[in-house]
Amino acid sequence: MVNSHEVTWTVPSISCSHCVNTINQTLTGVEGVESVNVDMAARLVRLTYNPETFQMEEAKDLLAEEGYAVAPLPFAGRGKPLNLSGN
């Protein structure tokens, strides 16, 4: 049994409920996608997916075709935040 994974993408062009609906419709049904959650205010898309069948580039390409470019999350995957308070 494969454990699901999650990825969060920032999509700067999300601006309205139409964008949310389009992104949901575009990604729902893509092989390996288990759930799609679009946060309009934060301009984020969170996917839960099966890593054995999900093709990240295919999903990004589908969004790009709809006019929604995926940008990297700032500081994603760069370890723990630095403690700048001196404590």
PDB file of N, CA and C in Angstrom:
ATOM      1  N   MET A   1       0.852  -1.194   0.000  1.00  0.00           N
ATOM      2  CA  MET A   1       0.000   0.000   0.000  1.00  0.00           C
ATOM      3  C   MET A   1       0.886   1.243   0.000  1.00  0.00           C
ATOM      4  N   VAL A   2       0.557   2.195  -0.841  1.00  0.00           N
ATOM      5  CA  VAL A   2       1.331   3.421  -0.980  1.00  0.00           C
ATOM      6  C   VAL A   2       0.714   4.520  -0.128  1.00  0.00           C
ATOM      7  N   ASN A   3       1.567   5.225   0.594  1.00  0.00           N
ATOM      8  CA  ASN A   3       1.081   6.371   1.357  1.00  0.00           C
ATOM      9  C   ASN A   3       0.926   7.565   0.428  1.00  0.00           C
ATOM     10  N   SER A   4      -0.119   8.306   0.640  1.00  0.00           N
ATOM     11  CA  SER A   4      -0.332   9.523  -0.146  1.00  0.00           C
ATOM     12  C   SER A   4       0.704  10.567   0.228  1.00  0.00           C
ATOM     13  N   HIS A   5       1.032  11.403  -0.727  1.00  0.00           N
ATOM     14  CA  HIS A   5       1.907  12.543  -0.500  1.00  0.00           C
ATOM     15  C   HIS A   5       1.120  13.816  -0.775  1.00  0.00           C
ATOM     16  N   GLU A   6       1.677  14.916  -0.312  1.00  0.00           N
ATOM     17  CA  GLU A   6       1.030  16.209  -0.551  1.00  0.00           C
ATOM     18  C   GLU A   6       2.057  17.177  -1.120  1.00  0.00           C
ATOM     19  N   VAL A   7       1.603  18.005  -2.038  1.00  0.00           N
ATOM     20  CA  VAL A   7       2.427  19.072  -2.584  1.00  0.00           C
ATOM     21  C   VAL A   7       1.598  20.344  -2.575  1.00  0.00           C
ATOM     22  N   THR A   8       2.262  21.461  -2.300  1.00  0.00           N
ATOM     23  CA  THR A   8       1.591  22.758  -2.335  1.00  0.00           C
ATOM     24  C   THR A   8       2.314  23.620  -3.346  1.00  0.00           C
ATOM     25  N   TRP A   9       1.542  24.176  -4.269  1.00  0.00           N
ATOM     26  CA  TRP A   9       2.077  25.061  -5.301  1.00  0.00           C
ATOM     27  C   TRP A   9       1.507  26.448  -5.098  1.00  0.00           C
ATOM     28  N   THR A  10       2.288  27.448  -5.382  1.00  0.00           N
ATOM     29  CA  THR A  10       1.764  28.799  -5.429  1.00  0.00           C
ATOM     30  C   THR A  10       1.395  29.087  -6.893  1.00  0.00           C
ATOM     31  N   VAL A  11       0.216  29.650  -7.073  1.00  0.00           N
ATOM     32  CA  VAL A  11      -0.280  29.979  -8.410  1.00  0.00           C
ATOM     33  C   VAL A  11      -0.692  31.458  -8.359  1.00  0.00           C
ATOM     34  N   PRO A  12       0.253  32.337  -8.698  1.00  0.00           N
ATOM     35  CA  PRO A  12       0.019  33.775  -8.509  1.00  0.00           C
ATOM     36  C   PRO A  12      -1.179  34.356  -9.252  1.00  0.00           C
ATOM     37  N   SER A  13      -1.626  33.707 -10.312  1.00  0.00           N
ATOM     38  CA  SER A  13      -2.722  34.284 -11.099  1.00  0.00           C
ATOM     39  C   SER A  13      -4.116  33.913 -10.596  1.00  0.00           C
ATOM     40  N   ILE A  14      -4.218  33.196  -9.488  1.00  0.00           N
ATOM     41  CA  ILE A  14      -5.541  32.910  -8.908  1.00  0.00           C
ATOM     42  C   ILE A  14      -6.113  34.222  -8.379  1.00  0.00           C
ATOM     43  N   SER A  15      -7.311  34.585  -8.881  1.00  0.00           N
ATOM     44  CA  SER A  15      -7.875  35.863  -8.444  1.00  0.00           C
ATOM     45  C   SER A  15      -9.372  35.823  -8.163  1.00  0.00           C
ATOM     46  N   CYS A  16     -10.047  34.722  -8.534  1.00  0.00           N
ATOM     47  CA  CYS A  16     -11.500  34.715  -8.371  1.00  0.00           C
ATOM     48  C   CYS A  16     -12.019  33.277  -8.282  1.00  0.00           C
ATOM     49  N   SER A  17     -13.310  33.142  -8.053  1.00  0.00           N
ATOM     50  CA  SER A  17     -13.902  31.810  -7.940  1.00  0.00           C
ATOM     51  C   SER A  17     -13.856  31.049  -9.265  1.00  0.00           C
ATOM     52  N   HIS A  18     -13.866  31.765 -10.383  1.00  0.00           N
ATOM     53  CA  HIS A  18     -13.718  31.102 -11.682  1.00  0.00           C
ATOM     54  C   HIS A  18     -12.359  30.394 -11.756  1.00  0.00           C
ATOM     55  N   CYS A  19     -11.321  31.053 -11.274  1.00  0.00           N
ATOM     56  CA  CYS A  19      -9.984  30.450 -11.244  1.00  0.00           C
ATOM     57  C   CYS A  19     -10.000  29.169 -10.407  1.00  0.00           C
ATOM     58  N   VAL A  20     -10.625  29.251  -9.234  1.00  0.00           N
ATOM     59  CA  VAL A  20     -10.708  28.095  -8.342  1.00  0.00           C
ATOM     60  C   VAL A  20     -11.407  26.938  -9.044  1.00  0.00           C
ATOM     61  N   ASN A  21     -12.545  27.226  -9.688  1.00  0.00           N
ATOM     62  CA  ASN A  21     -13.300  26.180 -10.388  1.00  0.00           C
ATOM     63  C   ASN A  21     -12.500  25.576 -11.536  1.00  0.00           C
ATOM     64  N   THR A  22     -11.825  26.417 -12.300  1.00  0.00           N
ATOM     65  CA  THR A  22     -11.038  25.934 -13.432  1.00  0.00           C
ATOM     66  C   THR A  22      -9.905  25.033 -12.962  1.00  0.00           C
ATOM     67  N   ILE A  23      -9.211  25.441 -11.915  1.00  0.00           N
ATOM     68  CA  ILE A  23      -8.108  24.632 -11.391  1.00  0.00           C
ATOM     69  C   ILE A  23      -8.626  23.310 -10.851  1.00  0.00           C
ATOM     70  N   ASN A  24      -9.724  23.347 -10.106  1.00  0.00           N
ATOM     71  CA  ASN A  24     -10.313  22.103  -9.593  1.00  0.00           C
ATOM     72  C   ASN A  24     -10.695  21.165 -10.729  1.00  0.00           C
ATOM     73  N   GLN A  25     -11.368  21.696 -11.747  1.00  0.00           N
ATOM     74  CA  GLN A  25     -11.799  20.866 -12.876  1.00  0.00           C
ATOM     75  C   GLN A  25     -10.610  20.327 -13.660  1.00  0.00           C
ATOM     76  N   THR A  26      -9.551  21.118 -13.777  1.00  0.00           N
ATOM     77  CA  THR A  26      -8.374  20.708 -14.538  1.00  0.00           C
ATOM     78  C   THR A  26      -7.632  19.571 -13.846  1.00  0.00           C
ATOM     79  N   LEU A  27      -7.510  19.640 -12.532  1.00  0.00           N
ATOM     80  CA  LEU A  27      -6.697  18.656 -11.810  1.00  0.00           C
ATOM     81  C   LEU A  27      -7.486  17.451 -11.310  1.00  0.00           C
ATOM     82  N   THR A  28      -8.785  17.616 -11.115  1.00  0.00           N
ATOM     83  CA  THR A  28      -9.601  16.488 -10.681  1.00  0.00           C
ATOM     84  C   THR A  28      -9.691  15.506 -11.838  1.00  0.00           C
ATOM     85  N   GLY A  29      -9.369  14.284 -11.573  1.00  0.00           N
ATOM     86  CA  GLY A  29      -9.400  13.268 -12.613  1.00  0.00           C
ATOM     87  C   GLY A  29      -8.045  12.987 -13.225  1.00  0.00           C
ATOM     88  N   VAL A  30      -7.040  13.822 -12.926  1.00  0.00           N
ATOM     89  CA  VAL A  30      -5.683  13.526 -13.381  1.00  0.00           C
ATOM     90  C   VAL A  30      -5.217  12.277 -12.640  1.00  0.00           C
ATOM     91  N   GLU A  31      -4.624  11.350 -13.374  1.00  0.00           N
ATOM     92  CA  GLU A  31      -4.208  10.094 -12.763  1.00  0.00           C
ATOM     93  C   GLU A  31      -3.288  10.351 -11.572  1.00  0.00           C
ATOM     94  N   GLY A  32      -3.625   9.759 -10.455  1.00  0.00           N
ATOM     95  CA  GLY A  32      -2.836   9.868  -9.240  1.00  0.00           C
ATOM     96  C   GLY A  32      -3.268  10.975  -8.301  1.00  0.00           C
ATOM     97  N   VAL A  33      -4.068  11.938  -8.774  1.00  0.00           N
ATOM     98  CA  VAL A  33      -4.533  13.019  -7.902  1.00  0.00           C
ATOM     99  C   VAL A  33      -5.669  12.491  -7.043  1.00  0.00           C
ATOM    100  N   GLU A  34      -5.505  12.590  -5.748  1.00  0.00           N
ATOM    101  CA  GLU A  34      -6.526  12.110  -4.815  1.00  0.00           C
ATOM    102  C   GLU A  34      -7.423  13.241  -4.326  1.00  0.00           C
ATOM    103  N   SER A  35      -6.854  14.430  -4.160  1.00  0.00           N
ATOM    104  CA  SER A  35      -7.682  15.583  -3.778  1.00  0.00           C
ATOM    105  C   SER A  35      -6.997  16.872  -4.203  1.00  0.00           C
ATOM    106  N   VAL A  36      -7.833  17.892  -4.430  1.00  0.00           N
ATOM    107  CA  VAL A  36      -7.371  19.220  -4.840  1.00  0.00           C
ATOM    108  C   VAL A  36      -7.992  20.220  -3.879  1.00  0.00           C
ATOM    109  N   ASN A  37      -7.170  21.116  -3.345  1.00  0.00           N
ATOM    110  CA  ASN A  37      -7.666  22.168  -2.466  1.00  0.00           C
ATOM    111  C   ASN A  37      -7.058  23.476  -2.939  1.00  0.00           C
ATOM    112  N   VAL A  38      -7.894  24.407  -3.378  1.00  0.00           N
ATOM    113  CA  VAL A  38      -7.425  25.697  -3.869  1.00  0.00           C
ATOM    114  C   VAL A  38      -7.761  26.758  -2.829  1.00  0.00           C
ATOM    115  N   ASP A  39      -6.737  27.482  -2.386  1.00  0.00           N
ATOM    116  CA  ASP A  39      -6.906  28.589  -1.442  1.00  0.00           C
ATOM    117  C   ASP A  39      -6.766  29.885  -2.235  1.00  0.00           C
ATOM    118  N   MET A  40      -7.918  30.488  -2.566  1.00  0.00           N
ATOM    119  CA  MET A  40      -7.915  31.678  -3.414  1.00  0.00           C
ATOM    120  C   MET A  40      -7.158  32.828  -2.751  1.00  0.00           C
ATOM    121  N   ALA A  41      -7.392  33.074  -1.480  1.00  0.00           N
ATOM    122  CA  ALA A  41      -6.773  34.208  -0.793  1.00  0.00           C
ATOM    123  C   ALA A  41      -5.251  34.089  -0.749  1.00  0.00           C
ATOM    124  N   ALA A  42      -4.756  32.885  -0.498  1.00  0.00           N
ATOM    125  CA  ALA A  42      -3.308  32.667  -0.410  1.00  0.00           C
ATOM    126  C   ALA A  42      -2.687  32.355  -1.769  1.00  0.00           C
ATOM    127  N   ARG A  43      -3.553  32.117  -2.773  1.00  0.00           N
ATOM    128  CA  ARG A  43      -3.109  31.747  -4.123  1.00  0.00           C
ATOM    129  C   ARG A  43      -2.268  30.473  -4.105  1.00  0.00           C
ATOM    130  N   LEU A  44      -2.800  29.479  -3.372  1.00  0.00           N
ATOM    131  CA  LEU A  44      -2.130  28.186  -3.239  1.00  0.00           C
ATOM    132  C   LEU A  44      -3.012  27.060  -3.744  1.00  0.00           C
ATOM    133  N   VAL A  45      -2.369  26.030  -4.270  1.00  0.00           N
ATOM    134  CA  VAL A  45      -3.052  24.798  -4.666  1.00  0.00           C
ATOM    135  C   VAL A  45      -2.358  23.666  -3.931  1.00  0.00           C
ATOM    136  N   ARG A  46      -3.145  22.904  -3.147  1.00  0.00           N
ATOM    137  CA  ARG A  46      -2.615  21.748  -2.426  1.00  0.00           C
ATOM    138  C   ARG A  46      -3.185  20.490  -3.058  1.00  0.00           C
ATOM    139  N   LEU A  47      -2.287  19.589  -3.414  1.00  0.00           N
ATOM    140  CA  LEU A  47      -2.698  18.313  -3.993  1.00  0.00           C
ATOM    141  C   LEU A  47      -2.282  17.189  -3.085  1.00  0.00           C
ATOM    142  N   THR A  48      -3.182  16.244  -2.891  1.00  0.00           N
ATOM    143  CA  THR A  48      -2.835  14.972  -2.278  1.00  0.00           C
ATOM    144  C   THR A  48      -2.788  13.988  -3.429  1.00  0.00           C
ATOM    145  N   TYR A  49      -1.712  13.205  -3.500  1.00  0.00           N
ATOM    146  CA  TYR A  49      -1.517  12.362  -4.677  1.00  0.00           C
ATOM    147  C   TYR A  49      -0.826  11.052  -4.339  1.00  0.00           C
ATOM    148  N   ASN A  50      -0.949  10.129  -5.275  1.00  0.00           N
ATOM    149  CA  ASN A  50      -0.279   8.842  -5.201  1.00  0.00           C
ATOM    150  C   ASN A  50       1.047   8.991  -5.945  1.00  0.00           C
ATOM    151  N   PRO A  51       2.183   8.888  -5.257  1.00  0.00           N
ATOM    152  CA  PRO A  51       3.469   9.134  -5.914  1.00  0.00           C
ATOM    153  C   PRO A  51       3.830   8.089  -6.973  1.00  0.00           C
ATOM    154  N   GLU A  52       3.140   6.970  -6.972  1.00  0.00           N
ATOM    155  CA  GLU A  52       3.428   5.940  -7.974  1.00  0.00           C
ATOM    156  C   GLU A  52       2.779   6.233  -9.330  1.00  0.00           C
ATOM    157  N   THR A  53       1.719   7.024  -9.321  1.00  0.00           N
ATOM    158  CA  THR A  53       1.003   7.273 -10.579  1.00  0.00           C
ATOM    159  C   THR A  53       0.908   8.742 -10.966  1.00  0.00           C
ATOM    160  N   PHE A  54       1.170   9.640 -10.039  1.00  0.00           N
ATOM    161  CA  PHE A  54       1.039  11.073 -10.304  1.00  0.00           C
ATOM    162  C   PHE A  54       2.259  11.596 -11.056  1.00  0.00           C
ATOM    163  N   GLN A  55       2.013  12.326 -12.136  1.00  0.00           N
ATOM    164  CA  GLN A  55       3.072  12.958 -12.920  1.00  0.00           C
ATOM    165  C   GLN A  55       3.016  14.472 -12.688  1.00  0.00           C
ATOM    166  N   MET A  56       3.919  14.962 -11.853  1.00  0.00           N
ATOM    167  CA  MET A  56       3.931  16.372 -11.458  1.00  0.00           C
ATOM    168  C   MET A  56       3.991  17.298 -12.682  1.00  0.00           C
ATOM    169  N   GLU A  57       4.864  16.998 -13.631  1.00  0.00           N
ATOM    170  CA  GLU A  57       5.013  17.875 -14.800  1.00  0.00           C
ATOM    171  C   GLU A  57       3.745  17.898 -15.650  1.00  0.00           C
ATOM    172  N   GLU A  58       3.069  16.763 -15.758  1.00  0.00           N
ATOM    173  CA  GLU A  58       1.820  16.725 -16.525  1.00  0.00           C
ATOM    174  C   GLU A  58       0.784  17.650 -15.904  1.00  0.00           C
ATOM    175  N   ALA A  59       0.661  17.591 -14.587  1.00  0.00           N
ATOM    176  CA  ALA A  59      -0.312  18.437 -13.893  1.00  0.00           C
ATOM    177  C   ALA A  59       0.047  19.915 -14.055  1.00  0.00           C
ATOM    178  N   LYS A  60       1.330  20.241 -13.939  1.00  0.00           N
ATOM    179  CA  LYS A  60       1.759  21.633 -14.125  1.00  0.00           C
ATOM    180  C   LYS A  60       1.486  22.098 -15.556  1.00  0.00           C
ATOM    181  N   ASP A  61       1.735  21.218 -16.522  1.00  0.00           N
ATOM    182  CA  ASP A  61       1.476  21.557 -17.925  1.00  0.00           C
ATOM    183  C   ASP A  61      -0.005  21.814 -18.176  1.00  0.00           C
ATOM    184  N   LEU A  62      -0.872  20.992 -17.571  1.00  0.00           N
ATOM    185  CA  LEU A  62      -2.313  21.174 -17.733  1.00  0.00           C
ATOM    186  C   LEU A  62      -2.751  22.527 -17.177  1.00  0.00           C
ATOM    187  N   LEU A  63      -2.208  22.896 -16.015  1.00  0.00           N
ATOM    188  CA  LEU A  63      -2.540  24.208 -15.450  1.00  0.00           C
ATOM    189  C   LEU A  63      -2.026  25.335 -16.340  1.00  0.00           C
ATOM    190  N   ALA A  64      -0.826  25.180 -16.868  1.00  0.00           N
ATOM    191  CA  ALA A  64      -0.261  26.208 -17.750  1.00  0.00           C
ATOM    192  C   ALA A  64      -1.116  26.397 -18.991  1.00  0.00           C
ATOM    193  N   GLU A  65      -1.650  25.302 -19.524  1.00  0.00           N
ATOM    194  CA  GLU A  65      -2.534  25.394 -20.692  1.00  0.00           C
ATOM    195  C   GLU A  65      -3.786  26.205 -20.390  1.00  0.00           C
ATOM    196  N   GLU A  66      -4.210  26.197 -19.131  1.00  0.00           N
ATOM    197  CA  GLU A  66      -5.388  26.964 -18.713  1.00  0.00           C
ATOM    198  C   GLU A  66      -5.024  28.389 -18.301  1.00  0.00           C
ATOM    199  N   GLY A  67      -3.725  28.724 -18.335  1.00  0.00           N
ATOM    200  CA  GLY A  67      -3.290  30.074 -17.990  1.00  0.00           C
ATOM    201  C   GLY A  67      -2.847  30.250 -16.555  1.00  0.00           C
ATOM    202  N   TYR A  68      -2.583  29.144 -15.866  1.00  0.00           N
ATOM    203  CA  TYR A  68      -2.188  29.198 -14.463  1.00  0.00           C
ATOM    204  C   TYR A  68      -0.792  28.604 -14.288  1.00  0.00           C
ATOM    205  N   ALA A  69       0.209  29.470 -14.343  1.00  0.00           N
ATOM    206  CA  ALA A  69       1.584  29.024 -14.154  1.00  0.00           C
ATOM    207  C   ALA A  69       1.840  28.736 -12.685  1.00  0.00           C
ATOM    208  N   VAL A  70       2.547  27.662 -12.430  1.00  0.00           N
ATOM    209  CA  VAL A  70       2.903  27.255 -11.067  1.00  0.00           C
ATOM    210  C   VAL A  70       4.272  27.822 -10.752  1.00  0.00           C
ATOM    211  N   ALA A  71       4.378  28.491  -9.607  1.00  0.00           N
ATOM    212  CA  ALA A  71       5.651  29.051  -9.165  1.00  0.00           C
ATOM    213  C   ALA A  71       6.116  28.299  -7.917  1.00  0.00           C
ATOM    214  N   PRO A  72       7.419  28.243  -7.702  1.00  0.00           N
ATOM    215  CA  PRO A  72       7.908  27.566  -6.502  1.00  0.00           C
ATOM    216  C   PRO A  72       7.503  28.329  -5.245  1.00  0.00           C
ATOM    217  N   LEU A  73       7.257  27.587  -4.183  1.00  0.00           N
ATOM    218  CA  LEU A  73       6.960  28.224  -2.904  1.00  0.00           C
ATOM    219  C   LEU A  73       8.245  28.808  -2.337  1.00  0.00           C
ATOM    220  N   PRO A  74       8.200  30.025  -1.819  1.00  0.00           N
ATOM    221  CA  PRO A  74       9.410  30.577  -1.209  1.00  0.00           C
ATOM    222  C   PRO A  74       9.844  29.725  -0.017  1.00  0.00           C
ATOM    223  N   PHE A  75      11.095  29.424   0.059  1.00  0.00           N
ATOM    224  CA  PHE A  75      11.711  28.690   1.152  1.00  0.00           C
ATOM    225  C   PHE A  75      11.288  27.238   1.256  1.00  0.00           C
ATOM    226  N   ALA A  76      10.541  26.727   0.292  1.00  0.00           N
ATOM    227  CA  ALA A  76      10.090  25.335   0.348  1.00  0.00           C
ATOM    228  C   ALA A  76      11.286  24.406   0.249  1.00  0.00           C
ATOM    229  N   GLY A  77      11.334  23.451   1.145  1.00  0.00           N
ATOM    230  CA  GLY A  77      12.360  22.423   1.107  1.00  0.00           C
ATOM    231  C   GLY A  77      13.747  22.909   1.465  1.00  0.00           C
ATOM    232  N   ARG A  78      13.846  24.001   2.167  1.00  0.00           N
ATOM    233  CA  ARG A  78      15.164  24.539   2.498  1.00  0.00           C
ATOM    234  C   ARG A  78      15.510  24.359   3.964  1.00  0.00           C
ATOM    235  N   GLY A  79      14.881  23.434   4.639  1.00  0.00           N
ATOM    236  CA  GLY A  79      15.224  23.176   6.036  1.00  0.00           C
ATOM    237  C   GLY A  79      14.458  24.047   6.995  1.00  0.00           C
ATOM    238  N   LYS A  80      14.950  24.071   8.218  1.00  0.00           N
ATOM    239  CA  LYS A  80      14.288  24.825   9.279  1.00  0.00           C
ATOM    240  C   LYS A  80      14.605  26.315   9.164  1.00  0.00           C
ATOM    241  N   PRO A  81      13.645  27.156   9.591  1.00  0.00           N
ATOM    242  CA  PRO A  81      13.912  28.581   9.559  1.00  0.00           C
ATOM    243  C   PRO A  81      15.014  28.948  10.568  1.00  0.00           C
ATOM    244  N   LEU A  82      15.769  29.953  10.259  1.00  0.00           N
ATOM    245  CA  LEU A  82      16.809  30.409  11.166  1.00  0.00           C
ATOM    246  C   LEU A  82      16.191  31.136  12.349  1.00  0.00           C
ATOM    247  N   ASN A  83      16.799  30.984  13.512  1.00  0.00           N
ATOM    248  CA  ASN A  83      16.372  31.703  14.698  1.00  0.00           C
ATOM    249  C   ASN A  83      17.133  33.026  14.708  1.00  0.00           C
ATOM    250  N   LEU A  84      16.463  34.098  14.346  1.00  0.00           N
ATOM    251  CA  LEU A  84      17.111  35.398  14.259  1.00  0.00           C
ATOM    252  C   LEU A  84      16.987  36.225  15.533  1.00  0.00           C
ATOM    253  N   SER A  85      16.301  35.655  16.527  1.00  0.00           N
ATOM    254  CA  SER A  85      16.101  36.415  17.764  1.00  0.00           C
ATOM    255  C   SER A  85      17.307  36.325  18.704  1.00  0.00           C
ATOM    256  N   GLY A  86      18.244  35.427  18.410  1.00  0.00           N
ATOM    257  CA  GLY A  86      19.416  35.295  19.265  1.00  0.00           C
ATOM    258  C   GLY A  86      19.221  34.377  20.448  1.00  0.00           C
ATOM    259  N   ASN A  87      18.065  33.772  20.589  1.00  0.00           N
ATOM    260  CA  ASN A  87      17.793  32.852  21.711  1.00  0.00           C
ATOM    261  C   ASN A  87      18.219  31.453  21.361  1.00  0.00           C
TER     262      ASN A  87
END
